[in-house]
Protein backbone atom coordinates (compact mmCIF):
# COMPACT_ATOMS: atom_id res chain seq x y z
CA MET A 1 0.00 0.00 0.00
CA ARG A 2 1.28 3.42 -0.94
CA THR A 3 0.15 6.54 0.93
CA GLU A 4 0.55 10.02 -0.47
CA LYS A 5 -0.40 13.51 0.64
CA VAL A 6 -2.94 15.12 -1.66
CA SER A 7 -4.73 18.44 -1.80
CA PHE A 8 -7.68 19.87 -3.67
CA ILE A 9 -9.64 23.11 -3.75
CA SER A 10 -13.14 23.51 -2.35
CA SER A 11 -14.88 26.89 -2.12
CA GLY A 12 -11.54 28.59 -2.78
CA LYS A 13 -9.72 26.86 0.10
CA ILE A 14 -7.03 24.21 -0.17
CA LEU A 15 -8.06 21.03 1.63
CA ALA A 16 -5.42 18.54 2.76
CA GLY A 17 -5.84 14.80 2.45
CA LEU A 18 -4.16 11.42 2.40
CA TYR A 19 -4.69 8.85 -0.32
CA HIS A 20 -4.02 5.20 0.52
CA ASP A 21 -3.53 3.38 -2.78
CA ALA A 22 -4.44 -0.29 -2.52
CA GLY A 23 -3.95 -0.71 -6.26
CA ASN A 24 -7.69 -0.86 -6.83
CA ALA A 25 -10.14 1.61 -8.36
CA ARG A 26 -12.65 0.87 -5.57
CA THR A 27 -12.17 3.86 -3.27
CA VAL A 28 -13.76 4.81 0.04
CA ILE A 29 -13.90 8.53 0.89
CA ILE A 30 -13.71 9.28 4.60
CA SER A 31 -15.27 12.53 5.77
CA HIS A 32 -14.58 13.11 9.45
CA GLY A 33 -17.21 14.38 11.87
CA PHE A 34 -17.69 17.82 13.35
CA ALA A 35 -14.46 19.16 14.93
CA GLY A 36 -12.65 15.95 13.97
CA GLY A 37 -9.79 15.38 11.59
CA LYS A 38 -8.38 12.96 9.05
CA ASP A 39 -5.52 11.97 11.37
CA SER A 40 -7.58 10.73 14.32
CA ASP A 41 -6.84 7.20 15.49
CA LYS A 42 -10.32 6.14 14.38
CA TRP A 43 -9.79 7.14 10.74
CA THR A 44 -6.18 5.97 10.63
CA LEU A 45 -7.17 2.48 11.81
CA THR A 46 -10.24 2.41 9.55
CA SER A 47 -8.05 3.30 6.56
CA LYS A 48 -5.63 0.48 7.37
CA ALA A 49 -8.47 -2.03 7.65
CA LEU A 50 -10.06 -0.91 4.39
CA THR A 51 -6.79 -1.07 2.44
CA ALA A 52 -6.10 -4.52 3.88
CA ALA A 53 -9.50 -5.51 2.47
CA GLY A 54 -8.46 -4.19 -0.96
CA TYR A 55 -10.06 -0.75 -0.97
CA SER A 56 -8.18 2.46 -1.70
CA VAL A 57 -9.02 5.27 0.73
CA LEU A 58 -9.12 9.06 0.56
CA ARG A 59 -9.41 10.85 3.89
CA PHE A 60 -9.26 14.60 4.19
CA ASP A 61 -9.59 17.53 6.59
CA HIS A 62 -12.58 19.80 6.07
CA SER A 63 -12.01 23.56 5.77
CA GLY A 64 -10.72 24.98 9.04
CA CYS A 65 -9.73 21.56 10.42
CA GLY A 66 -6.34 19.87 10.64
CA GLU A 67 -4.04 20.84 7.78
CA SER A 68 -6.72 22.41 5.57
CA GLU A 69 -7.10 26.12 4.94
CA GLY A 70 -9.94 28.18 6.29
CA ALA A 71 -11.39 29.16 9.63
CA PHE A 72 -13.23 26.60 11.72
CA ASP A 73 -15.91 29.23 12.39
CA ASP A 74 -16.77 29.20 8.68
CA VAL A 75 -17.83 25.54 8.90
CA THR A 76 -20.89 26.39 10.95
């Protein structure tokens, strides 16, 4: 499994993510909960389990969370 940092733009802000490449086009997108983040233990372990099952995974920080641009106040 290969993991790479990725980024993309949403509403003019750069959002940070991680892509876990399991060598398969089947991909699960993980969107963390309110005030959470892509790097929580829950999503890290879930990503490992999904890639072990053959799924690629994209997990990312919403605007104003973790490594993504923006103010957390703008989320609400």
